[in-house]
PDB file of N, CA and C in Angstrom:
ATOM      1  N   MET A   1     -10.587 132.071  83.221  1.00  0.00           N
ATOM      2  CA  MET A   1     -10.443 131.165  82.091  1.00  0.00           C
ATOM      3  C   MET A   1      -8.971 130.743  81.966  1.00  0.00           C
ATOM      4  N   ASN A   2      -8.736 129.441  81.859  1.00  0.00           N
ATOM      5  CA  ASN A   2      -7.375 128.933  81.732  1.00  0.00           C
ATOM      6  C   ASN A   2      -6.936 128.935  80.276  1.00  0.00           C
ATOM      7  N   THR A   3      -5.797 129.523  80.035  1.00  0.00           N
ATOM      8  CA  THR A   3      -5.206 129.543  78.706  1.00  0.00           C
ATOM      9  C   THR A   3      -4.031 128.587  78.716  1.00  0.00           C
ATOM     10  N   GLU A   4      -3.871 127.883  77.622  1.00  0.00           N
ATOM     11  CA  GLU A   4      -2.793 126.907  77.545  1.00  0.00           C
ATOM     12  C   GLU A   4      -1.834 127.273  76.421  1.00  0.00           C
ATOM     13  N   ILE A   5      -0.553 127.227  76.741  1.00  0.00           N
ATOM     14  CA  ILE A   5       0.496 127.428  75.751  1.00  0.00           C
ATOM     15  C   ILE A   5       0.998 126.046  75.365  1.00  0.00           C
ATOM     16  N   LEU A   6       0.907 125.714  74.089  1.00  0.00           N
ATOM     17  CA  LEU A   6       1.377 124.408  73.617  1.00  0.00           C
ATOM     18  C   LEU A   6       2.783 124.562  73.060  1.00  0.00           C
ATOM     19  N   LEU A   7       3.709 123.797  73.620  1.00  0.00           N
ATOM     20  CA  LEU A   7       5.086 123.772  73.135  1.00  0.00           C
ATOM     21  C   LEU A   7       5.359 122.385  72.565  1.00  0.00           C
ATOM     22  N   ASP A   8       5.517 122.305  71.283  1.00  0.00           N
ATOM     23  CA  ASP A   8       5.860 121.050  70.623  1.00  0.00           C
ATOM     24  C   ASP A   8       7.346 121.118  70.288  1.00  0.00           C
ATOM     25  N   VAL A   9       8.150 120.490  71.112  1.00  0.00           N
ATOM     26  CA  VAL A   9       9.601 120.559  70.953  1.00  0.00           C
ATOM     27  C   VAL A   9      10.186 119.228  70.492  1.00  0.00           C
ATOM     28  N   ARG A  10       9.340 118.399  69.907  1.00  0.00           N
ATOM     29  CA  ARG A  10       9.814 117.109  69.385  1.00  0.00           C
ATOM     30  C   ARG A  10      10.879 117.349  68.326  1.00  0.00           C
ATOM     31  N   GLY A  11      11.927 116.563  68.409  1.00  0.00           N
ATOM     32  CA  GLY A  11      12.961 116.599  67.394  1.00  0.00           C
ATOM     33  C   GLY A  11      13.980 117.714  67.545  1.00  0.00           C
ATOM     34  N   LEU A  12      13.776 118.612  68.496  1.00  0.00           N
ATOM     35  CA  LEU A  12      14.743 119.683  68.703  1.00  0.00           C
ATOM     36  C   LEU A  12      15.913 119.166  69.537  1.00  0.00           C
ATOM     37  N   GLU A  13      17.088 119.644  69.218  1.00  0.00           N
ATOM     38  CA  GLU A  13      18.290 119.232  69.940  1.00  0.00           C
ATOM     39  C   GLU A  13      18.465 120.091  71.197  1.00  0.00           C
ATOM     40  N   PRO A  14      18.972 119.466  72.273  1.00  0.00           N
ATOM     41  CA  PRO A  14      19.276 120.252  73.471  1.00  0.00           C
ATOM     42  C   PRO A  14      20.297 121.329  73.133  1.00  0.00           C
ATOM     43  N   PRO A  15      20.196 122.470  73.734  1.00  0.00           N
ATOM     44  CA  PRO A  15      19.331 122.862  74.851  1.00  0.00           C
ATOM     45  C   PRO A  15      18.046 123.568  74.417  1.00  0.00           C
ATOM     46  N   GLU A  16      17.700 123.521  73.130  1.00  0.00           N
ATOM     47  CA  GLU A  16      16.552 124.286  72.650  1.00  0.00           C
ATOM     48  C   GLU A  16      15.230 123.956  73.352  1.00  0.00           C
ATOM     49  N   PRO A  17      14.893 122.677  73.588  1.00  0.00           N
ATOM     50  CA  PRO A  17      13.632 122.426  74.305  1.00  0.00           C
ATOM     51  C   PRO A  17      13.592 123.095  75.684  1.00  0.00           C
ATOM     52  N   MET A  18      14.704 123.019  76.414  1.00  0.00           N
ATOM     53  CA  MET A  18      14.766 123.641  77.742  1.00  0.00           C
ATOM     54  C   MET A  18      14.637 125.157  77.625  1.00  0.00           C
ATOM     55  N   GLU A  19      15.323 125.752  76.669  1.00  0.00           N
ATOM     56  CA  GLU A  19      15.239 127.198  76.485  1.00  0.00           C
ATOM     57  C   GLU A  19      13.816 127.634  76.165  1.00  0.00           C
ATOM     58  N   ARG A  20      13.142 126.882  75.323  1.00  0.00           N
ATOM     59  CA  ARG A  20      11.767 127.255  74.938  1.00  0.00           C
ATOM     60  C   ARG A  20      10.800 127.159  76.111  1.00  0.00           C
ATOM     61  N   VAL A  21      10.912 126.091  76.900  1.00  0.00           N
ATOM     62  CA  VAL A  21       9.984 125.957  78.024  1.00  0.00           C
ATOM     63  C   VAL A  21      10.286 127.001  79.089  1.00  0.00           C
ATOM     64  N   LEU A  22      11.546 127.309  79.343  1.00  0.00           N
ATOM     65  CA  LEU A  22      11.868 128.339  80.331  1.00  0.00           C
ATOM     66  C   LEU A  22      11.386 129.709  79.876  1.00  0.00           C
ATOM     67  N   ASP A  23      11.484 130.006  78.585  1.00  0.00           N
ATOM     68  CA  ASP A  23      10.948 131.269  78.049  1.00  0.00           C
ATOM     69  C   ASP A  23       9.434 131.334  78.240  1.00  0.00           C
ATOM     70  N   ALA A  24       8.758 130.217  77.967  1.00  0.00           N
ATOM     71  CA  ALA A  24       7.298 130.182  78.127  1.00  0.00           C
ATOM     72  C   ALA A  24       6.909 130.376  79.586  1.00  0.00           C
ATOM     73  N   LEU A  25       7.632 129.742  80.495  1.00  0.00           N
ATOM     74  CA  LEU A  25       7.328 129.877  81.919  1.00  0.00           C
ATOM     75  C   LEU A  25       7.548 131.310  82.394  1.00  0.00           C
ATOM     76  N   ALA A  26       8.569 131.958  81.877  1.00  0.00           N
ATOM     77  CA  ALA A  26       8.861 133.338  82.275  1.00  0.00           C
ATOM     78  C   ALA A  26       7.758 134.302  81.840  1.00  0.00           C
ATOM     79  N   SER A  27       6.999 133.936  80.813  1.00  0.00           N
ATOM     80  CA  SER A  27       5.962 134.837  80.317  1.00  0.00           C
ATOM     81  C   SER A  27       4.550 134.431  80.746  1.00  0.00           C
ATOM     82  N   LEU A  28       4.428 133.398  81.590  1.00  0.00           N
ATOM     83  CA  LEU A  28       3.104 132.943  82.031  1.00  0.00           C
ATOM     84  C   LEU A  28       2.365 134.039  82.792  1.00  0.00           C
ATOM     85  N   GLN A  29       1.105 134.165  82.480  1.00  0.00           N
ATOM     86  CA  GLN A  29       0.220 135.082  83.189  1.00  0.00           C
ATOM     87  C   GLN A  29      -0.673 134.258  84.119  1.00  0.00           C
ATOM     88  N   THR A  30      -1.355 134.913  85.009  1.00  0.00           N
ATOM     89  CA  THR A  30      -2.256 134.235  85.942  1.00  0.00           C
ATOM     90  C   THR A  30      -3.255 133.371  85.187  1.00  0.00           C
ATOM     91  N   GLY A  31      -3.381 132.126  85.599  1.00  0.00           N
ATOM     92  CA  GLY A  31      -4.335 131.208  84.995  1.00  0.00           C
ATOM     93  C   GLY A  31      -3.824 130.476  83.767  1.00  0.00           C
ATOM     94  N   GLU A  32      -2.649 130.828  83.288  1.00  0.00           N
ATOM     95  CA  GLU A  32      -2.097 130.143  82.120  1.00  0.00           C
ATOM     96  C   GLU A  32      -1.301 128.913  82.552  1.00  0.00           C
ATOM     97  N   ARG A  33      -1.157 127.994  81.624  1.00  0.00           N
ATOM     98  CA  ARG A  33      -0.342 126.806  81.855  1.00  0.00           C
ATOM     99  C   ARG A  33       0.366 126.441  80.555  1.00  0.00           C
ATOM    100  N   VAL A  34       1.374 125.601  80.676  1.00  0.00           N
ATOM    101  CA  VAL A  34       2.155 125.167  79.525  1.00  0.00           C
ATOM    102  C   VAL A  34       1.966 123.669  79.349  1.00  0.00           C
ATOM    103  N   ARG A  35       1.676 123.251  78.132  1.00  0.00           N
ATOM    104  CA  ARG A  35       1.631 121.831  77.780  1.00  0.00           C
ATOM    105  C   ARG A  35       2.783 121.599  76.798  1.00  0.00           C
ATOM    106  N   MET A  36       3.703 120.744  77.199  1.00  0.00           N
ATOM    107  CA  MET A  36       4.917 120.499  76.426  1.00  0.00           C
ATOM    108  C   MET A  36       4.898 119.078  75.880  1.00  0.00           C
ATOM    109  N   LEU A  37       5.176 118.933  74.591  1.00  0.00           N
ATOM    110  CA  LEU A  37       5.331 117.619  73.964  1.00  0.00           C
ATOM    111  C   LEU A  37       6.796 117.454  73.599  1.00  0.00           C
ATOM    112  N   ILE A  38       7.388 116.365  74.069  1.00  0.00           N
ATOM    113  CA  ILE A  38       8.811 116.145  73.835  1.00  0.00           C
ATOM    114  C   ILE A  38       9.052 114.657  73.622  1.00  0.00           C
ATOM    115  N   ASP A  39      10.079 114.343  72.855  1.00  0.00           N
ATOM    116  CA  ASP A  39      10.339 112.944  72.498  1.00  0.00           C
ATOM    117  C   ASP A  39      11.343 112.251  73.417  1.00  0.00           C
ATOM    118  N   ARG A  40      11.690 112.882  74.517  1.00  0.00           N
ATOM    119  CA  ARG A  40      12.524 112.238  75.534  1.00  0.00           C
ATOM    120  C   ARG A  40      12.153 112.867  76.876  1.00  0.00           C
ATOM    121  N   GLU A  41      12.362 112.127  77.929  1.00  0.00           N
ATOM    122  CA  GLU A  41      11.983 112.641  79.239  1.00  0.00           C
ATOM    123  C   GLU A  41      12.972 113.715  79.694  1.00  0.00           C
ATOM    124  N   PRO A  42      12.491 114.920  79.970  1.00  0.00           N
ATOM    125  CA  PRO A  42      13.380 116.029  80.333  1.00  0.00           C
ATOM    126  C   PRO A  42      13.653 116.087  81.842  1.00  0.00           C
ATOM    127  N   ARG A  43      14.360 115.107  82.345  1.00  0.00           N
ATOM    128  CA  ARG A  43      14.603 115.015  83.792  1.00  0.00           C
ATOM    129  C   ARG A  43      15.196 116.286  84.408  1.00  0.00           C
ATOM    130  N   PRO A  44      16.162 116.968  83.759  1.00  0.00           N
ATOM    131  CA  PRO A  44      16.678 118.198  84.375  1.00  0.00           C
ATOM    132  C   PRO A  44      15.594 119.270  84.574  1.00  0.00           C
ATOM    133  N   LEU A  45      14.582 119.267  83.720  1.00  0.00           N
ATOM    134  CA  LEU A  45      13.500 120.238  83.845  1.00  0.00           C
ATOM    135  C   LEU A  45      12.741 120.051  85.152  1.00  0.00           C
ATOM    136  N   TYR A  46      12.568 118.821  85.589  1.00  0.00           N
ATOM    137  CA  TYR A  46      11.798 118.560  86.810  1.00  0.00           C
ATOM    138  C   TYR A  46      12.408 119.266  88.013  1.00  0.00           C
ATOM    139  N   ARG A  47      13.718 119.236  88.132  1.00  0.00           N
ATOM    140  CA  ARG A  47      14.380 119.911  89.260  1.00  0.00           C
ATOM    141  C   ARG A  47      14.149 121.421  89.201  1.00  0.00           C
ATOM    142  N   ILE A  48      14.211 121.982  88.007  1.00  0.00           N
ATOM    143  CA  ILE A  48      13.982 123.420  87.845  1.00  0.00           C
ATOM    144  C   ILE A  48      12.551 123.771  88.239  1.00  0.00           C
ATOM    145  N   LEU A  49      11.603 122.958  87.794  1.00  0.00           N
ATOM    146  CA  LEU A  49      10.199 123.208  88.129  1.00  0.00           C
ATOM    147  C   LEU A  49       9.969 123.111  89.629  1.00  0.00           C
ATOM    148  N   GLU A  50      10.558 122.103  90.261  1.00  0.00           N
ATOM    149  CA  GLU A  50      10.389 121.926  91.705  1.00  0.00           C
ATOM    150  C   GLU A  50      10.978 123.103  92.476  1.00  0.00           C
ATOM    151  N   ARG A  51      12.154 123.555  92.070  1.00  0.00           N
ATOM    152  CA  ARG A  51      12.779 124.709  92.741  1.00  0.00           C
ATOM    153  C   ARG A  51      11.939 125.972  92.576  1.00  0.00           C
ATOM    154  N   GLY A  52      11.295 126.110  91.435  1.00  0.00           N
ATOM    155  CA  GLY A  52      10.460 127.283  91.176  1.00  0.00           C
ATOM    156  C   GLY A  52       9.067 127.190  91.754  1.00  0.00           C
ATOM    157  N   GLY A  53       8.726 126.051  92.336  1.00  0.00           N
ATOM    158  CA  GLY A  53       7.411 125.876  92.938  1.00  0.00           C
ATOM    159  C   GLY A  53       6.307 125.552  91.944  1.00  0.00           C
ATOM    160  N   TYR A  54       6.672 125.246  90.708  1.00  0.00           N
ATOM    161  CA  TYR A  54       5.660 124.902  89.697  1.00  0.00           C
ATOM    162  C   TYR A  54       5.073 123.531  89.984  1.00  0.00           C
ATOM    163  N   ARG A  55       3.821 123.374  89.636  1.00  0.00           N
ATOM    164  CA  ARG A  55       3.170 122.064  89.701  1.00  0.00           C
ATOM    165  C   ARG A  55       3.214 121.474  88.300  1.00  0.00           C
ATOM    166  N   TYR A  56       3.463 120.194  88.195  1.00  0.00           N
ATOM    167  CA  TYR A  56       3.536 119.589  86.866  1.00  0.00           C
ATOM    168  C   TYR A  56       3.084 118.136  86.909  1.00  0.00           C
ATOM    169  N   GLU A  57       2.590 117.697  85.768  1.00  0.00           N
ATOM    170  CA  GLU A  57       2.165 116.305  85.582  1.00  0.00           C
ATOM    171  C   GLU A  57       2.860 115.784  84.332  1.00  0.00           C
ATOM    172  N   VAL A  58       3.421 114.595  84.437  1.00  0.00           N
ATOM    173  CA  VAL A  58       4.105 113.968  83.309  1.00  0.00           C
ATOM    174  C   VAL A  58       3.292 112.765  82.872  1.00  0.00           C
ATOM    175  N   THR A  59       2.985 112.703  81.578  1.00  0.00           N
ATOM    176  CA  THR A  59       2.247 111.580  81.026  1.00  0.00           C
ATOM    177  C   THR A  59       3.045 110.963  79.882  1.00  0.00           C
ATOM    178  N   PRO A  60       3.594 109.753  80.101  1.00  0.00           N
ATOM    179  CA  PRO A  60       4.230 109.049  78.981  1.00  0.00           C
ATOM    180  C   PRO A  60       3.115 108.550  78.055  1.00  0.00           C
ATOM    181  N   ARG A  61       3.225 108.846  76.788  1.00  0.00           N
ATOM    182  CA  ARG A  61       2.180 108.475  75.834  1.00  0.00           C
ATOM    183  C   ARG A  61       2.544 107.203  75.076  1.00  0.00           C
ATOM    184  N   GLU A  62       1.537 106.590  74.474  1.00  0.00           N
ATOM    185  CA  GLU A  62       1.749 105.354  73.711  1.00  0.00           C
ATOM    186  C   GLU A  62       2.579 105.583  72.460  1.00  0.00           C
ATOM    187  N   ASP A  63       2.638 106.839  71.984  1.00  0.00           N
ATOM    188  CA  ASP A  63       3.423 107.141  70.788  1.00  0.00           C
ATOM    189  C   ASP A  63       4.868 107.528  71.137  1.00  0.00           C
ATOM    190  N   TYR A  64       5.287 107.152  72.362  1.00  0.00           N
ATOM    191  CA  TYR A  64       6.664 107.356  72.841  1.00  0.00           C
ATOM    192  C   TYR A  64       7.020 108.819  73.077  1.00  0.00           C
ATOM    193  N   LEU A  65       6.031 109.658  73.208  1.00  0.00           N
ATOM    194  CA  LEU A  65       6.254 111.052  73.573  1.00  0.00           C
ATOM    195  C   LEU A  65       5.959 111.229  75.062  1.00  0.00           C
ATOM    196  N   PHE A  66       6.465 112.309  75.594  1.00  0.00           N
ATOM    197  CA  PHE A  66       6.119 112.699  76.952  1.00  0.00           C
ATOM    198  C   PHE A  66       5.326 113.993  76.857  1.00  0.00           C
ATOM    199  N   GLU A  67       4.222 114.027  77.573  1.00  0.00           N
ATOM    200  CA  GLU A  67       3.381 115.216  77.649  1.00  0.00           C
ATOM    201  C   GLU A  67       3.494 115.751  79.058  1.00  0.00           C
ATOM    202  N   ILE A  68       3.919 116.996  79.180  1.00  0.00           N
ATOM    203  CA  ILE A  68       4.150 117.590  80.491  1.00  0.00           C
ATOM    204  C   ILE A  68       3.276 118.830  80.612  1.00  0.00           C
ATOM    205  N   LEU A  69       2.403 118.810  81.595  1.00  0.00           N
ATOM    206  CA  LEU A  69       1.517 119.940  81.866  1.00  0.00           C
ATOM    207  C   LEU A  69       2.070 120.688  83.074  1.00  0.00           C
ATOM    208  N   ILE A  70       2.355 121.969  82.883  1.00  0.00           N
ATOM    209  CA  ILE A  70       3.003 122.777  83.924  1.00  0.00           C
ATOM    210  C   ILE A  70       2.079 123.921  84.309  1.00  0.00           C
ATOM    211  N   ARG A  71       1.870 124.053  85.618  1.00  0.00           N
ATOM    212  CA  ARG A  71       1.031 125.129  86.144  1.00  0.00           C
ATOM    213  C   ARG A  71       1.870 126.024  87.051  1.00  0.00           C
ATOM    214  N   GLN A  72       1.412 127.241  87.185  1.00  0.00           N
ATOM    215  CA  GLN A  72       2.114 128.209  88.034  1.00  0.00           C
ATOM    216  C   GLN A  72       2.102 127.758  89.478  1.00  0.00           C
ATOM    217  N   PRO A  73       3.077 128.272  90.257  1.00  0.00           N
ATOM    218  CA  PRO A  73       3.099 127.947  91.695  1.00  0.00           C
ATOM    219  C   PRO A  73       1.893 128.517  92.396  1.00  0.00           C
TER     220      PRO A  73
END
């Protein structure tokens, strides 16, 4: 069964969104994933995810948010 951790980091000032998502990734268990809602595109996060082997999908939404779904390597 897949469990999802929802991180709503809209309106938070850097570096808090990055810190929160990295904390969530560090605690992921098998089958879990992270869904992150953020009000700006977190480009530095993509490099970190790629280096860590994480799979991710970015969806720009009509409400000007970015939804990022992150799965374990």
